């Protein structure tokens, strides 16, 4: 829920451009201390198993933002649009603009953002807006905001409220560390760091044929929209309230996201290599496929932020089992039921399975609850009977809290030890995981690896391309031997700077780079050995810990 609008109840004055002083003000020196991103993420600290309160994240520097707020105060009563702008600013945020929009170039945008931090917002507005050097409408695009259609034709002052919000958001982002820009800088950071936090998303598993969630056409959400499941939003498939009301919706599609492979991607192997070298502090994974266990990432180094299919729990009695015990039902599109509940019902002489609905009631949707009873009406000639509880994979649905280990480890352990952050294969759009990066100290270097950049976080180095290709190139430059069947020996890549950026690199394999069949066979065999032998011990340990929890 959105909080009270900032500045509500203030007396607003008509906007007037501020006169330039007769004597040029002394320019402020560039700031080197990074700012900290604001957010609503609070972490509950637990000391000796006692909850002692919430730890708010560091707040942004107030002076710069207050200067901008003064500008908002200058808006006249006819432009009471601040709350509207706050509601729509996310929808107006874009990385690129169509030709019909008079937008700043990439180079200009980067320059404007750097100037804003260097000289402060008040001087920035004097130099660019008050002088008439650029319109507020066009300057919006430098901060990734498309001018809204409903302001078209209005005086330029109408855009100032939205520009204020855009500049405020920019100032409250973490500031990029200008020292690190190149791929070799990334390699240097990899080699020197000893406590690396790796935050991973679905992009590290797509090369194994597992769909991500948000890619257009190929993403799981795009596919769900085509199935006609009777839901308003494809994300409702993973909503706990929807699941409790009708688990068939989830189990209609669960087979498509069920981990069906014991293989792991080169990116998983890269993270395991960091672990082997004693560099991995924690891998925060948003994935539910549990492939990290296949790669040998130890449970004590892994936080599965959204849970996984490794275990499943009864929604009636809480009985926990190994996840693979319900896989056959999931593959068949059936709702798995709790064996413990079934045994208890049989002991009472009650059949545990759901009765068959009469043929004249097919148009009526059954309402499913977890109270252990079927709640169909009696007018179809049937009777309510106790039901075995529904089993649910221990993945975290929307509306469920994240595992306690997530906040405990982040606050009490990693925040004080981390010396490098690497984000791989995620757009960082889902809170609170999306707020992990801003929560970590701003002076710690951050590297982003994915196919497309993000605009709401300032990373120090962006490496854009397939995750597997990027990590293989990093390993090659670091002199690390990343043997994997999906990485061609002697793989070569094309590298280009994205226009207007010094630290955003586009990396793609050359056409002649192909996997080696012999190496593929060897590594596949190695992975099978790990599956049967040594690696499985860590996997079993992970499952036993989860079951005991």
Protein backbone atom coordinates (compact mmCIF):
# COMPACT_ATOMS: atom_id res chain seq x y z
CA UNK A 1 0.00 0.00 0.00
CA UNK A 2 1.34 3.36 -0.94
CA UNK A 3 2.01 5.61 2.03
CA UNK A 4 0.84 9.15 2.47
CA UNK A 5 1.95 11.40 -0.32
CA UNK A 6 4.99 13.43 0.51
CA UNK A 7 4.18 17.08 0.94
CA UNK A 8 0.43 16.61 1.38
CA UNK A 9 -1.18 19.68 2.91
CA UNK A 10 1.60 22.07 1.96
CA UNK A 11 0.92 25.57 0.71
CA UNK A 12 2.05 25.73 -2.89
CA UNK A 13 3.39 28.87 -4.52
CA UNK A 14 3.21 29.78 -8.20
CA UNK A 15 6.26 28.58 -10.06
CA UNK A 16 8.79 31.21 -11.08
CA UNK A 17 12.19 30.57 -12.57
CA UNK A 18 14.95 31.49 -10.21
CA UNK A 19 17.11 34.39 -11.30
CA UNK A 20 20.76 33.64 -11.92
CA UNK A 21 23.01 35.35 -9.35
CA UNK A 22 25.24 38.15 -10.57
CA UNK A 23 28.34 36.29 -9.42
CA UNK A 24 28.79 32.71 -10.52
CA UNK A 25 28.37 30.35 -7.61
CA UNK A 26 31.34 28.19 -6.80
CA UNK A 27 30.81 24.78 -8.32
CA UNK A 28 30.67 21.94 -5.84
CA UNK A 29 33.36 19.32 -6.23
CA UNK A 30 32.23 15.95 -7.54
CA UNK A 31 30.94 13.62 -4.89
CA UNK A 32 32.77 10.34 -4.48
CA UNK A 33 30.63 8.96 -1.68
CA UNK A 34 27.84 6.87 -3.24
CA UNK A 35 24.28 7.44 -2.18
CA UNK A 36 22.05 4.69 -0.91
CA UNK A 37 18.80 3.64 -2.55
CA UNK A 38 15.60 4.16 -0.57
CA UNK A 39 13.06 1.39 -0.31
CA UNK A 40 10.46 -0.16 1.94
CA UNK A 41 12.50 -3.30 2.71
CA UNK A 42 12.83 -3.84 6.44
CA UNK A 43 14.71 -6.77 7.88
CA UNK A 44 13.73 -8.26 11.20
CA UNK A 45 16.83 -8.92 13.28
CA UNK A 46 16.85 -12.01 15.45
CA UNK A 47 19.28 -12.24 18.34
CA UNK A 48 19.35 -15.42 20.41
CA UNK A 49 16.06 -16.45 18.77
CA UNK A 50 14.38 -13.26 20.00
CA UNK A 51 12.85 -10.85 17.51
CA UNK A 52 14.07 -7.43 18.52
CA UNK A 53 12.73 -5.15 15.84
CA UNK A 54 13.10 -3.97 12.29
CA UNK A 55 16.25 -2.64 10.75
CA UNK A 56 15.41 0.01 8.15
CA UNK A 57 17.76 0.37 5.28
CA UNK A 58 19.97 3.47 5.16
CA UNK A 59 18.08 6.48 3.90
CA UNK A 60 19.24 8.76 1.07
CA UNK A 61 21.07 11.99 1.68
CA UNK A 62 18.38 14.52 2.54
CA UNK A 63 19.87 17.80 1.35
CA UNK A 64 19.73 17.12 -2.35
CA UNK A 65 16.19 15.82 -2.21
CA UNK A 66 15.00 18.77 -0.11
CA UNK A 67 16.28 21.14 -2.79
CA UNK A 68 14.20 19.28 -5.32
CA UNK A 69 11.20 19.38 -3.01
CA UNK A 70 11.47 23.16 -2.91
CA UNK A 71 11.03 23.07 -6.65
CA UNK A 72 7.85 21.04 -6.26
CA UNK A 73 6.57 23.66 -3.81
CA UNK A 74 6.94 26.22 -6.58
CA UNK A 75 4.31 24.50 -8.72
CA UNK A 76 1.06 26.44 -8.96
CA UNK A 77 -2.33 25.22 -7.74
CA UNK A 78 -3.36 24.41 -11.30
CA UNK A 79 -0.79 21.64 -11.42
CA UNK A 80 -1.82 19.45 -8.48
CA UNK A 81 -0.34 16.42 -10.21
CA UNK A 82 2.41 15.22 -7.89
CA UNK A 83 0.43 12.21 -6.65
CA UNK A 84 -0.52 11.33 -10.22
CA UNK A 85 3.13 11.42 -11.25
CA UNK A 86 4.08 9.14 -8.37
CA UNK A 87 1.47 6.64 -9.51
CA UNK A 88 2.53 6.58 -13.16
CA UNK A 89 6.28 7.15 -13.09
CA UNK A 90 7.09 3.44 -13.22
CA UNK A 91 4.90 3.00 -16.31
CA UNK A 92 6.67 5.92 -17.99
CA UNK A 93 10.15 4.50 -17.38
CA UNK A 94 11.89 3.30 -20.55
CA UNK A 95 15.43 2.45 -21.60
CA UNK A 96 14.86 3.56 -25.20
CA UNK A 97 12.44 5.90 -26.93
CA UNK A 98 10.71 5.79 -30.33
CA UNK A 99 11.82 8.27 -33.02
CA UNK A 100 8.80 10.51 -32.51
CA UNK A 101 9.95 11.38 -28.98
CA UNK A 102 12.40 14.28 -28.80
CA UNK A 103 14.78 12.47 -26.47
CA UNK A 104 18.30 13.04 -25.22
CA UNK A 105 20.95 10.82 -26.76
CA UNK A 106 22.56 8.14 -24.64
CA UNK A 107 25.70 10.25 -24.35
CA UNK A 108 23.69 13.28 -23.25
CA UNK A 109 21.73 11.23 -20.73
CA UNK A 110 24.88 9.84 -19.12
CA UNK A 111 26.36 13.34 -18.97
CA UNK A 112 23.23 14.85 -17.40
CA UNK A 113 23.10 12.16 -14.73
CA UNK A 114 26.75 12.67 -13.86
CA UNK A 115 26.29 16.45 -13.69
CA UNK A 116 23.29 16.09 -11.37
CA UNK A 117 25.39 14.19 -8.85
CA UNK A 118 28.45 16.40 -9.30
CA UNK A 119 26.91 19.86 -8.83
CA UNK A 120 23.69 19.06 -6.98
CA UNK A 121 20.08 19.52 -8.11
CA UNK A 122 19.72 23.23 -7.39
CA UNK A 123 22.72 24.25 -9.48
CA UNK A 124 21.75 21.64 -12.07
CA UNK A 125 18.33 23.25 -12.48
CA UNK A 126 19.89 26.73 -12.72
CA UNK A 127 22.32 25.62 -15.41
CA UNK A 128 19.88 23.71 -17.58
CA UNK A 129 16.25 24.65 -16.83
CA UNK A 130 16.35 28.26 -15.63
CA UNK A 131 18.76 29.24 -18.39
CA UNK A 132 16.50 27.74 -21.04
CA UNK A 133 19.29 25.47 -22.29
CA UNK A 134 16.90 22.51 -22.42
CA UNK A 135 13.22 21.99 -21.76
CA UNK A 136 12.03 20.06 -18.74
CA UNK A 137 10.09 17.85 -21.14
CA UNK A 138 13.20 16.73 -23.00
CA UNK A 139 15.31 16.52 -19.86
CA UNK A 140 12.89 13.89 -18.55
CA UNK A 141 14.22 11.47 -21.15
CA UNK A 142 17.74 11.79 -19.75
CA UNK A 143 16.40 10.04 -16.65
CA UNK A 144 14.56 7.37 -18.60
CA UNK A 145 11.11 8.95 -18.36
CA UNK A 146 8.86 9.30 -21.39
CA UNK A 147 6.81 12.54 -21.32
CA UNK A 148 3.18 11.52 -20.70
CA UNK A 149 0.65 12.08 -23.46
CA UNK A 150 -1.77 13.92 -21.16
CA UNK A 151 0.75 16.76 -20.75
CA UNK A 152 1.27 17.21 -24.49
CA UNK A 153 0.73 20.85 -25.47
CA UNK A 154 0.99 22.13 -21.91
CA UNK A 155 3.54 24.75 -20.83
CA UNK A 156 6.95 23.36 -20.00
CA UNK A 157 6.37 24.11 -16.31
CA UNK A 158 3.81 21.30 -16.32
CA UNK A 159 6.64 18.77 -16.59
CA UNK A 160 8.59 20.07 -13.59
CA UNK A 161 6.83 17.94 -10.98
CA UNK A 162 7.58 14.77 -12.91
CA UNK A 163 11.15 15.93 -13.53
CA UNK A 164 11.56 16.48 -9.79
CA UNK A 165 10.53 12.89 -9.09
CA UNK A 166 12.83 11.61 -11.83
CA UNK A 167 15.84 13.49 -10.44
CA UNK A 168 14.99 12.41 -6.90
CA UNK A 169 14.97 8.78 -7.98
CA UNK A 170 18.31 9.24 -9.70
CA UNK A 171 19.92 10.86 -6.67
CA UNK A 172 18.70 8.13 -4.33
CA UNK A 173 20.15 5.34 -6.43
CA UNK A 174 23.51 3.91 -5.50
CA UNK A 175 26.22 5.85 -7.32
CA UNK A 176 28.35 3.90 -9.75
CA UNK A 177 31.99 3.46 -8.74
CA UNK A 178 33.79 5.15 -11.62
CA UNK A 179 37.02 3.21 -11.06
CA UNK A 180 35.59 0.00 -12.53
CA UNK A 181 34.45 -0.08 -16.15
CA UNK A 182 36.09 -2.74 -18.34
CA UNK A 183 35.84 -6.52 -18.58
CA UNK A 184 39.40 -6.72 -17.29
CA UNK A 185 38.27 -4.67 -14.29
CA UNK A 186 35.64 -7.34 -13.68
CA UNK A 187 38.30 -10.05 -13.91
CA UNK A 188 40.50 -8.12 -11.47
CA UNK A 189 37.62 -7.92 -9.00
CA UNK A 190 36.92 -11.64 -9.37
CA UNK A 191 40.52 -12.59 -8.71
CA UNK A 192 41.08 -10.32 -5.71
CA UNK A 193 37.75 -10.82 -3.92
CA UNK A 194 37.32 -13.41 -1.17
CA UNK A 195 33.70 -12.93 -0.08
CA UNK A 196 31.51 -12.77 -3.17
CA UNK A 197 27.72 -12.58 -2.96
CA UNK A 198 26.11 -14.00 -6.10
CA UNK A 199 22.43 -13.25 -6.72
CA UNK A 200 20.93 -15.45 -9.44
CA UNK A 201 17.67 -15.65 -11.35
CA UNK A 202 15.98 -17.77 -13.98
CA UNK A 203 18.40 -16.63 -16.69
CA UNK A 204 21.08 -19.03 -15.47
CA UNK A 205 18.86 -22.06 -16.19
CA UNK A 206 17.30 -21.16 -19.54
CA UNK A 207 20.15 -22.80 -21.46
CA UNK A 208 18.97 -26.10 -19.94
CA UNK A 209 15.52 -25.65 -21.46
CA UNK A 210 13.90 -24.34 -18.27
CA UNK A 211 11.84 -21.23 -19.11
CA UNK A 212 12.29 -17.98 -17.27
CA UNK A 213 9.25 -16.04 -16.15
CA UNK A 214 9.23 -12.66 -17.89
CA UNK A 215 10.75 -13.06 -21.36
CA UNK A 216 8.35 -12.09 -24.12
CA UNK A 217 6.86 -15.05 -26.01
CA UNK A 218 9.15 -17.66 -24.41
CA UNK A 219 8.71 -16.72 -20.73
CA UNK A 220 6.42 -18.75 -18.50
CA UNK A 221 4.04 -15.84 -17.88
CA UNK A 222 3.62 -15.28 -21.62
CA UNK A 223 2.83 -18.96 -22.07
CA UNK A 224 0.33 -18.97 -19.22
CA UNK A 225 -1.65 -16.14 -20.80
CA UNK A 226 -2.42 -18.46 -23.71
CA UNK A 227 -3.79 -21.33 -21.59
CA UNK A 228 -7.10 -19.77 -20.53
CA UNK A 229 -6.80 -20.69 -16.87
CA UNK A 230 -9.49 -18.26 -15.76
CA UNK A 231 -7.13 -15.93 -13.94
CA UNK A 232 -6.66 -12.20 -14.40
CA UNK A 233 -2.88 -12.22 -14.15
CA UNK A 234 -0.52 -15.12 -14.96
CA UNK A 235 1.31 -14.42 -11.71
CA UNK A 236 -1.81 -15.64 -9.89
CA UNK A 237 -0.65 -19.17 -10.68
CA UNK A 238 1.90 -18.61 -7.91
CA UNK A 239 -0.43 -16.73 -5.54
CA UNK A 240 -0.96 -18.59 -2.27
CA UNK A 241 -4.60 -17.48 -1.95
CA UNK A 242 -5.37 -18.74 -5.44
CA UNK A 243 -3.62 -22.03 -4.64
CA UNK A 244 -5.64 -22.49 -1.47
CA UNK A 245 -8.85 -21.79 -3.35
CA UNK A 246 -8.06 -24.00 -6.34
CA UNK A 247 -4.74 -25.90 -6.51
CA UNK A 248 -5.63 -27.32 -9.93
CA UNK A 249 -4.56 -24.00 -11.49
CA UNK A 250 -1.00 -24.45 -10.25
CA UNK A 251 -0.86 -28.17 -10.98
CA UNK A 252 -2.06 -27.57 -14.54
CA UNK A 253 1.27 -25.89 -15.29
CA UNK A 254 3.58 -27.27 -12.58
CA UNK A 255 4.86 -30.03 -14.85
CA UNK A 256 6.31 -27.37 -17.16
CA UNK A 257 8.56 -25.96 -14.43
CA UNK A 258 9.36 -29.25 -12.72
CA UNK A 259 13.13 -29.84 -12.67
CA UNK A 260 13.60 -32.72 -15.08
CA UNK A 261 17.36 -32.72 -15.45
CA UNK A 262 20.38 -33.62 -13.36
CA UNK A 263 22.57 -31.40 -15.52
CA UNK A 264 23.68 -27.89 -14.69
CA UNK A 265 24.64 -24.92 -16.81
CA UNK A 266 28.09 -23.34 -17.20
CA UNK A 267 26.87 -20.52 -14.98
CA UNK A 268 26.07 -22.99 -12.20
CA UNK A 269 29.55 -24.45 -12.73
CA UNK A 270 31.03 -20.95 -12.48
CA UNK A 271 29.39 -20.39 -9.09
CA UNK A 272 30.60 -23.81 -7.93
CA UNK A 273 34.10 -22.82 -9.06
CA UNK A 274 33.94 -19.70 -6.89
CA UNK A 275 33.01 -21.99 -4.02
CA UNK A 276 35.91 -24.35 -4.71
CA UNK A 277 38.31 -21.42 -4.69
CA UNK A 278 37.00 -20.23 -1.33
CA UNK A 279 35.54 -17.06 -2.83
CA UNK A 280 31.80 -17.69 -2.54
CA UNK A 281 30.23 -16.04 0.49
CA UNK A 282 26.60 -16.78 -0.42
CA UNK A 283 24.57 -17.65 -3.49
CA UNK A 284 21.12 -16.09 -3.16
CA UNK A 285 19.06 -17.99 -5.71
CA UNK A 286 15.59 -16.94 -6.84
CA UNK A 287 15.23 -20.20 -8.76
CA UNK A 288 13.05 -23.09 -7.62
CA UNK A 289 14.65 -25.78 -9.81
CA UNK A 290 17.25 -26.83 -7.17
CA UNK A 291 19.89 -27.17 -9.89
CA UNK A 292 22.45 -25.61 -7.56
CA UNK A 293 22.58 -28.98 -5.79
CA UNK A 294 23.41 -30.69 -9.10
CA UNK A 295 26.41 -28.39 -9.48
CA UNK A 296 27.62 -29.18 -5.96
CA UNK A 297 26.92 -25.83 -4.32
CA UNK A 298 26.89 -26.59 -0.61
CA UNK A 299 23.73 -25.95 1.43
CA UNK A 300 25.63 -23.69 3.82
CA UNK A 301 26.58 -21.45 0.87
CA UNK A 302 23.08 -21.37 -0.65
CA UNK A 303 19.95 -19.42 0.23
CA UNK A 304 16.99 -20.45 -1.92
CA UNK A 305 15.02 -17.25 -1.57
CA UNK A 306 11.87 -18.64 -3.16
CA UNK A 307 12.22 -22.19 -1.89
CA UNK A 308 12.48 -25.14 -4.27
CA UNK A 309 11.02 -28.45 -5.40
CA UNK A 310 13.47 -30.30 -3.12
CA UNK A 311 10.75 -30.82 -0.50
CA UNK A 312 6.96 -30.60 -0.30
CA UNK A 313 4.58 -30.04 2.61
CA UNK A 314 0.98 -30.94 3.37
CA UNK A 315 -1.21 -27.87 3.59
CA UNK A 316 -3.41 -29.57 6.18
CA UNK A 317 -1.08 -31.27 8.67
CA UNK A 318 2.33 -29.84 7.70
CA UNK A 319 3.89 -33.24 6.94
CA UNK A 320 7.08 -32.72 4.91
CA UNK A 321 8.47 -35.16 2.33
CA UNK A 322 11.15 -35.31 -0.34
CA UNK A 323 9.99 -33.36 -3.34
CA UNK A 324 10.44 -36.19 -5.80
CA UNK A 325 7.77 -38.25 -4.01
CA UNK A 326 5.08 -36.08 -5.63
CA UNK A 327 6.75 -35.70 -9.03
CA UNK A 328 4.72 -38.49 -10.66
CA UNK A 329 1.45 -36.78 -9.72
CA UNK A 330 2.78 -33.43 -10.93
CA UNK A 331 3.84 -34.90 -14.27
CA UNK A 332 0.35 -36.39 -14.67
CA UNK A 333 -1.29 -33.06 -13.86
CA UNK A 334 -2.84 -34.48 -10.68
CA UNK A 335 -3.15 -32.87 -7.27
CA UNK A 336 -0.81 -34.78 -4.94
CA UNK A 337 -2.33 -35.75 -1.61
CA UNK A 338 -0.67 -36.26 1.76
CA UNK A 339 0.26 -39.86 2.54
CA UNK A 340 0.11 -39.22 6.27
CA UNK A 341 -3.42 -37.85 5.98
CA UNK A 342 -4.42 -40.79 3.80
CA UNK A 343 -3.11 -43.26 6.39
CA UNK A 344 -4.96 -41.46 9.18
CA UNK A 345 -8.23 -41.48 7.25
CA UNK A 346 -7.85 -45.15 6.40
CA UNK A 347 -7.26 -45.92 10.06
CA UNK A 348 -10.64 -44.31 10.75
CA UNK A 349 -12.25 -46.27 7.95
CA UNK A 350 -12.73 -43.18 5.78
CA UNK A 351 -11.87 -43.16 2.11
CA UNK A 352 -9.34 -40.38 1.56
CA UNK A 353 -9.82 -39.77 -2.11
CA UNK A 354 -12.08 -37.07 -3.50
CA UNK A 355 -15.46 -38.46 -4.51
CA UNK A 356 -16.52 -38.29 -8.12
CA UNK A 357 -18.79 -35.42 -9.02
CA UNK A 358 -22.13 -36.25 -10.56
CA UNK A 359 -22.42 -35.71 -14.30
CA UNK A 360 -25.05 -33.00 -13.92
CA UNK A 361 -22.69 -30.76 -11.95
CA UNK A 362 -19.79 -30.37 -14.36
CA UNK A 363 -20.52 -26.71 -14.90
CA UNK A 364 -20.16 -25.95 -11.21
CA UNK A 365 -16.65 -25.28 -10.05
CA UNK A 366 -15.61 -27.13 -6.92
CA UNK A 367 -14.35 -24.92 -4.13
CA UNK A 368 -11.27 -26.44 -2.55
CA UNK A 369 -10.08 -25.62 0.93
CA UNK A 370 -7.38 -26.97 3.20
CA UNK A 371 -9.69 -27.78 6.09
CA UNK A 372 -9.69 -31.39 4.94
CA UNK A 373 -13.22 -31.36 3.52
CA UNK A 374 -14.72 -31.05 0.06
CA UNK A 375 -17.21 -28.18 0.09
CA UNK A 376 -19.37 -28.99 -2.94
CA UNK A 377 -23.07 -28.34 -2.40
CA UNK A 378 -25.31 -31.29 -1.59
CA UNK A 379 -27.63 -30.69 -4.53
CA UNK A 380 -25.47 -32.86 -6.80
CA UNK A 381 -26.43 -35.92 -4.78
CA UNK A 382 -23.12 -36.28 -2.96
CA UNK A 383 -21.95 -35.77 0.59
CA UNK A 384 -19.08 -33.91 2.21
CA UNK A 385 -16.32 -36.30 3.23
CA UNK A 386 -12.93 -35.64 4.82
CA UNK A 387 -10.09 -35.24 2.35
CA UNK A 388 -6.38 -35.88 2.60
CA UNK A 389 -4.44 -32.62 2.63
CA UNK A 390 -3.03 -31.19 -0.58
CA UNK A 391 0.75 -31.38 -0.95
CA UNK A 392 2.49 -28.20 -2.09
CA UNK A 393 6.13 -27.98 -3.20
CA UNK A 394 8.07 -25.85 -0.75
CA UNK A 395 8.42 -22.99 -3.19
CA UNK A 396 7.54 -19.53 -1.91
CA UNK A 397 4.34 -18.24 -3.48
CA UNK A 398 3.31 -14.61 -3.71
CA UNK A 399 1.77 -13.80 -0.34
CA UNK A 400 4.08 -16.11 1.61
CA UNK A 401 7.03 -14.88 3.68
CA UNK A 402 10.54 -15.61 2.50
CA UNK A 403 12.55 -18.16 4.49
CA UNK A 404 13.94 -16.84 7.78
CA UNK A 405 17.43 -17.75 6.61
CA UNK A 406 17.17 -15.07 3.93
CA UNK A 407 17.01 -12.08 6.29
CA UNK A 408 19.16 -13.63 9.02
CA UNK A 409 22.08 -14.35 6.73
CA UNK A 410 21.81 -11.07 4.85
CA UNK A 411 21.75 -8.86 7.94
CA UNK A 412 23.88 -10.73 10.46
CA UNK A 413 26.47 -12.27 8.16
CA UNK A 414 26.84 -11.16 4.57
CA UNK A 415 26.40 -7.40 4.83
CA UNK A 416 29.53 -7.00 6.93
CA UNK A 417 31.70 -9.45 4.98
CA UNK A 418 30.86 -9.02 1.29
CA UNK A 419 33.58 -7.57 -0.95
CA UNK A 420 31.98 -8.12 -4.39
CA UNK A 421 28.40 -8.48 -5.64
CA UNK A 422 27.59 -10.34 -8.87
CA UNK A 423 24.01 -10.39 -10.15
CA UNK A 424 23.33 -12.96 -12.89
CA UNK A 425 20.26 -13.70 -14.98
CA UNK A 426 17.62 -11.66 -13.17
CA UNK A 427 15.82 -8.39 -13.86
CA UNK A 428 15.51 -7.71 -10.11
CA UNK A 429 11.82 -6.85 -10.30
CA UNK A 430 10.45 -8.89 -7.41
CA UNK A 431 10.75 -7.57 -3.85
CA UNK A 432 12.26 -8.16 -1.39
CA UNK A 433 14.99 -9.99 -3.31
CA UNK A 434 15.23 -7.01 -5.65
CA UNK A 435 16.25 -4.91 -2.65
CA UNK A 436 19.15 -7.10 -1.59
CA UNK A 437 21.59 -5.23 -3.83
CA UNK A 438 20.66 -1.74 -2.54
CA UNK A 439 20.82 -3.07 1.02
CA UNK A 440 24.47 -4.12 0.71
CA UNK A 441 27.11 -1.42 1.30
CA UNK A 442 27.22 1.02 -1.62
CA UNK A 443 31.03 1.10 -1.75
CA UNK A 444 31.19 -2.62 -2.58
CA UNK A 445 31.74 -3.19 -6.34
CA UNK A 446 28.78 -4.62 -8.26
CA UNK A 447 28.76 -6.54 -11.56
CA UNK A 448 25.63 -7.30 -13.58
CA UNK A 449 25.44 -10.21 -16.05
CA UNK A 450 22.30 -10.74 -18.14
CA UNK A 451 20.90 -10.37 -21.64
CA UNK A 452 19.32 -6.99 -21.03
CA UNK A 453 20.34 -4.14 -18.71
CA UNK A 454 18.31 -2.80 -15.81
CA UNK A 455 17.76 0.91 -15.27
CA UNK A 456 16.65 1.05 -11.63
CA UNK A 457 20.08 0.09 -10.22
CA UNK A 458 23.46 1.57 -11.13
CA UNK A 459 25.87 -1.34 -11.48
CA UNK A 460 29.57 -0.65 -11.88
CA UNK A 461 30.03 -3.03 -14.82
CA UNK A 462 27.28 -4.43 -17.07
CA UNK A 463 28.14 -7.54 -19.09
CA UNK A 464 25.26 -8.13 -21.49
CA UNK A 465 24.79 -11.46 -23.22
CA UNK A 466 24.01 -15.09 -22.50
CA UNK A 467 25.13 -15.77 -18.94
CA UNK A 468 27.00 -18.93 -19.94
CA UNK A 469 29.00 -17.11 -22.60
CA UNK A 470 29.86 -14.22 -20.29
CA UNK A 471 31.07 -16.33 -17.35
CA UNK A 472 33.11 -18.52 -19.69
CA UNK A 473 34.89 -15.44 -21.03
CA UNK A 474 35.53 -14.16 -17.51
CA UNK A 475 37.05 -17.52 -16.57
CA UNK A 476 39.22 -17.55 -19.70
CA UNK A 477 40.60 -14.12 -18.91
CA UNK A 478 41.15 -15.08 -15.27
CA UNK A 479 43.04 -18.22 -16.29
CA UNK A 480 40.43 -20.50 -14.73
CA UNK A 481 39.56 -23.79 -16.43
CA UNK A 482 35.78 -23.95 -16.75
CA UNK A 483 35.24 -27.33 -18.37
CA UNK A 484 31.65 -27.82 -19.36
CA UNK A 485 30.02 -29.53 -22.38
CA UNK A 486 28.13 -26.38 -23.29
CA UNK A 487 31.28 -24.27 -23.46
CA UNK A 488 33.25 -24.84 -26.66
CA UNK A 489 37.00 -25.22 -26.12
CA UNK A 490 38.76 -22.16 -27.49
CA UNK A 491 35.47 -20.28 -27.56
CA UNK A 492 35.85 -16.80 -29.03
CA UNK A 493 33.56 -13.87 -28.41
CA UNK A 494 32.72 -10.53 -29.93
CA UNK A 495 32.77 -7.63 -27.46
CA UNK A 496 31.36 -4.17 -28.07
CA UNK A 497 30.63 -1.20 -25.85
CA UNK A 498 27.02 -0.11 -25.84
CA UNK A 499 26.85 3.36 -27.32
CA UNK A 500 27.16 6.10 -24.75
CA UNK A 501 28.45 3.87 -21.96
CA UNK A 502 31.98 3.16 -20.76
CA UNK A 503 31.04 0.20 -18.59
CA UNK A 504 28.26 -1.58 -20.50
CA UNK A 505 29.63 -4.36 -22.69
CA UNK A 506 27.76 -6.54 -25.18
CA UNK A 507 29.29 -10.02 -25.38
CA UNK A 508 28.34 -12.65 -27.97
CA UNK A 509 30.03 -15.83 -29.24
CA UNK A 510 31.51 -15.91 -32.72
CA UNK A 511 29.78 -18.17 -35.25
CA UNK A 512 32.63 -20.68 -35.34
CA UNK A 513 32.38 -21.40 -31.60
CA UNK A 514 30.73 -24.82 -31.19
CA UNK A 515 30.73 -27.31 -28.31
CA UNK A 516 33.23 -30.17 -28.58
CA UNK A 517 31.37 -33.55 -28.78
CA UNK A 518 34.13 -35.49 -27.00
CA UNK A 519 34.31 -32.99 -24.16
CA UNK A 520 30.52 -33.01 -23.98
CA UNK A 521 30.51 -36.77 -23.43
CA UNK A 522 33.25 -36.56 -20.81
CA UNK A 523 31.57 -33.84 -18.80
CA UNK A 524 28.17 -35.52 -19.04
CA UNK A 525 29.75 -38.63 -17.55
CA UNK A 526 31.37 -36.54 -14.83
CA UNK A 527 28.01 -35.01 -13.97
CA UNK A 528 26.43 -38.46 -13.78
CA UNK A 529 29.19 -39.62 -11.44
CA UNK A 530 28.55 -36.60 -9.25
CA UNK A 531 24.87 -37.44 -9.29
CA UNK A 532 25.57 -40.98 -8.02
CA UNK A 533 28.49 -40.24 -5.75
CA UNK A 534 30.28 -37.48 -3.90
CA UNK A 535 28.19 -34.54 -4.98
CA UNK A 536 25.02 -36.25 -3.85
CA UNK A 537 26.14 -36.10 -0.25
CA UNK A 538 25.73 -32.33 -0.22
CA UNK A 539 22.38 -32.68 -1.99
CA UNK A 540 21.16 -35.24 0.54
CA UNK A 541 22.40 -33.01 3.33
CA UNK A 542 20.41 -30.13 1.88
CA UNK A 543 17.26 -32.24 1.69
CA UNK A 544 17.69 -33.67 5.19
CA UNK A 545 18.21 -30.21 6.64
CA UNK A 546 15.10 -28.95 4.87
CA UNK A 547 13.02 -31.91 6.02
CA UNK A 548 14.20 -31.50 9.60
CA UNK A 549 13.54 -27.76 9.64
